[in-house]
Amino acid sequence: MGHVVGAFPDQIARRFMRARKTAVLPLLESLAALGQAEKVEEDRFAA
């Protein structure tokens, strides 16, 4: 497999209206727990 490039919660939050890092981070952690996202570094996620 190739190199996985992830995004930080603040980068993801910018893609949604009125989203903040503090609201997006718990959602990303839940997605990672369900196997729908991957935590590639501390506070950095990839899908």
N, C-alpha and C. Protein backbone atom coordinates (compact mmCIF):
# COMPACT_ATOMS: atom_id res chain seq x y z
N MET A 1 0.82 -1.18 0.00
CA MET A 1 0.00 0.00 0.00
C MET A 1 0.87 1.24 0.00
N GLY A 2 0.28 2.34 -0.47
CA GLY A 2 1.00 3.60 -0.52
C GLY A 2 0.98 4.32 0.81
N HIS A 3 1.57 5.46 0.81
CA HIS A 3 1.65 6.30 2.00
C HIS A 3 0.26 6.90 2.30
N VAL A 4 -0.18 6.79 3.54
CA VAL A 4 -1.48 7.33 3.95
C VAL A 4 -1.31 8.79 4.35
N VAL A 5 -2.10 9.64 3.74
CA VAL A 5 -2.07 11.06 4.07
C VAL A 5 -3.32 11.37 4.87
N GLY A 6 -3.16 11.96 6.02
CA GLY A 6 -4.29 12.27 6.88
C GLY A 6 -4.54 13.75 6.96
N ALA A 7 -5.56 14.10 7.71
CA ALA A 7 -5.91 15.49 7.93
C ALA A 7 -6.14 15.71 9.42
N PHE A 8 -5.87 16.91 9.86
CA PHE A 8 -6.12 17.28 11.24
C PHE A 8 -7.58 17.69 11.39
N PRO A 9 -8.15 17.57 12.59
CA PRO A 9 -9.55 17.93 12.79
C PRO A 9 -9.89 19.34 12.34
N ASP A 10 -9.00 20.31 12.56
CA ASP A 10 -9.30 21.68 12.14
C ASP A 10 -9.37 21.78 10.61
N GLN A 11 -8.60 20.98 9.89
CA GLN A 11 -8.66 20.97 8.43
C GLN A 11 -10.00 20.39 7.97
N ILE A 12 -10.46 19.36 8.64
CA ILE A 12 -11.74 18.76 8.29
C ILE A 12 -12.88 19.68 8.66
N ALA A 13 -12.79 20.32 9.81
CA ALA A 13 -13.85 21.23 10.26
C ALA A 13 -14.07 22.38 9.28
N ARG A 14 -13.02 22.84 8.63
CA ARG A 14 -13.14 23.94 7.67
C ARG A 14 -14.00 23.58 6.47
N ARG A 15 -14.20 22.30 6.22
CA ARG A 15 -15.01 21.86 5.08
C ARG A 15 -16.51 21.91 5.38
N PHE A 16 -16.88 22.17 6.63
CA PHE A 16 -18.28 22.21 7.04
C PHE A 16 -18.60 23.57 7.63
N MET A 17 -19.80 24.05 7.37
CA MET A 17 -20.23 25.32 7.93
C MET A 17 -20.35 25.22 9.45
N ARG A 18 -19.81 26.18 10.15
CA ARG A 18 -19.90 26.31 11.61
C ARG A 18 -19.35 25.13 12.39
N ALA A 19 -18.51 24.32 11.80
CA ALA A 19 -17.91 23.20 12.53
C ALA A 19 -16.63 23.67 13.21
N ARG A 20 -16.42 23.18 14.40
CA ARG A 20 -15.20 23.52 15.15
C ARG A 20 -14.42 22.24 15.42
N LYS A 21 -13.13 22.41 15.61
CA LYS A 21 -12.25 21.26 15.90
C LYS A 21 -12.77 20.51 17.12
N THR A 22 -13.23 21.24 18.12
CA THR A 22 -13.68 20.59 19.35
C THR A 22 -14.91 19.72 19.12
N ALA A 23 -15.69 20.02 18.09
CA ALA A 23 -16.86 19.20 17.77
C ALA A 23 -16.50 18.05 16.83
N VAL A 24 -15.51 18.26 15.97
CA VAL A 24 -15.14 17.28 14.96
C VAL A 24 -14.27 16.17 15.55
N LEU A 25 -13.40 16.50 16.46
CA LEU A 25 -12.46 15.51 17.02
C LEU A 25 -13.17 14.30 17.64
N PRO A 26 -14.18 14.47 18.48
CA PRO A 26 -14.85 13.28 19.03
C PRO A 26 -15.52 12.43 17.94
N LEU A 27 -16.03 13.06 16.90
CA LEU A 27 -16.64 12.31 15.80
C LEU A 27 -15.59 11.49 15.06
N LEU A 28 -14.43 12.09 14.82
CA LEU A 28 -13.36 11.36 14.15
C LEU A 28 -12.86 10.19 15.00
N GLU A 29 -12.77 10.40 16.30
CA GLU A 29 -12.35 9.32 17.19
C GLU A 29 -13.37 8.19 17.18
N SER A 30 -14.66 8.52 17.12
CA SER A 30 -15.70 7.49 17.03
C SER A 30 -15.60 6.73 15.72
N LEU A 31 -15.39 7.44 14.62
CA LEU A 31 -15.23 6.79 13.32
C LEU A 31 -14.02 5.85 13.32
N ALA A 32 -12.95 6.27 13.96
CA ALA A 32 -11.76 5.43 14.05
C ALA A 32 -12.06 4.17 14.87
N ALA A 33 -12.82 4.31 15.94
CA ALA A 33 -13.17 3.16 16.76
C ALA A 33 -14.04 2.17 16.00
N LEU A 34 -14.84 2.69 15.06
CA LEU A 34 -15.71 1.83 14.26
C LEU A 34 -15.03 1.28 13.01
N GLY A 35 -13.78 1.72 12.78
CA GLY A 35 -13.04 1.24 11.63
C GLY A 35 -13.33 2.01 10.35
N GLN A 36 -14.01 3.14 10.45
CA GLN A 36 -14.34 3.94 9.28
C GLN A 36 -13.32 5.03 9.00
N ALA A 37 -12.43 5.27 9.93
CA ALA A 37 -11.33 6.21 9.77
C ALA A 37 -10.13 5.60 10.48
N GLU A 38 -8.97 6.13 10.18
CA GLU A 38 -7.74 5.62 10.78
C GLU A 38 -6.99 6.77 11.43
N LYS A 39 -6.59 6.58 12.66
CA LYS A 39 -5.79 7.59 13.36
C LYS A 39 -4.34 7.33 12.97
N VAL A 40 -3.77 8.21 12.15
CA VAL A 40 -2.42 7.98 11.64
C VAL A 40 -1.35 8.65 12.48
N GLU A 41 -1.72 9.66 13.22
CA GLU A 41 -0.83 10.35 14.17
C GLU A 41 -1.72 10.90 15.27
N GLU A 42 -1.12 11.49 16.28
CA GLU A 42 -1.90 12.13 17.32
C GLU A 42 -2.73 13.25 16.71
N ASP A 43 -4.04 13.14 16.83
CA ASP A 43 -5.00 14.12 16.29
C ASP A 43 -4.93 14.26 14.78
N ARG A 44 -4.51 13.23 14.06
CA ARG A 44 -4.51 13.24 12.60
C ARG A 44 -5.18 11.98 12.11
N PHE A 45 -6.15 12.13 11.19
CA PHE A 45 -6.97 11.01 10.77
C PHE A 45 -6.98 10.89 9.25
N ALA A 46 -7.22 9.65 8.79
CA ALA A 46 -7.38 9.38 7.36
C ALA A 46 -8.56 8.44 7.20
N ALA A 47 -9.18 8.51 6.03
CA ALA A 47 -10.34 7.64 5.77
C ALA A 47 -9.94 6.57 4.77
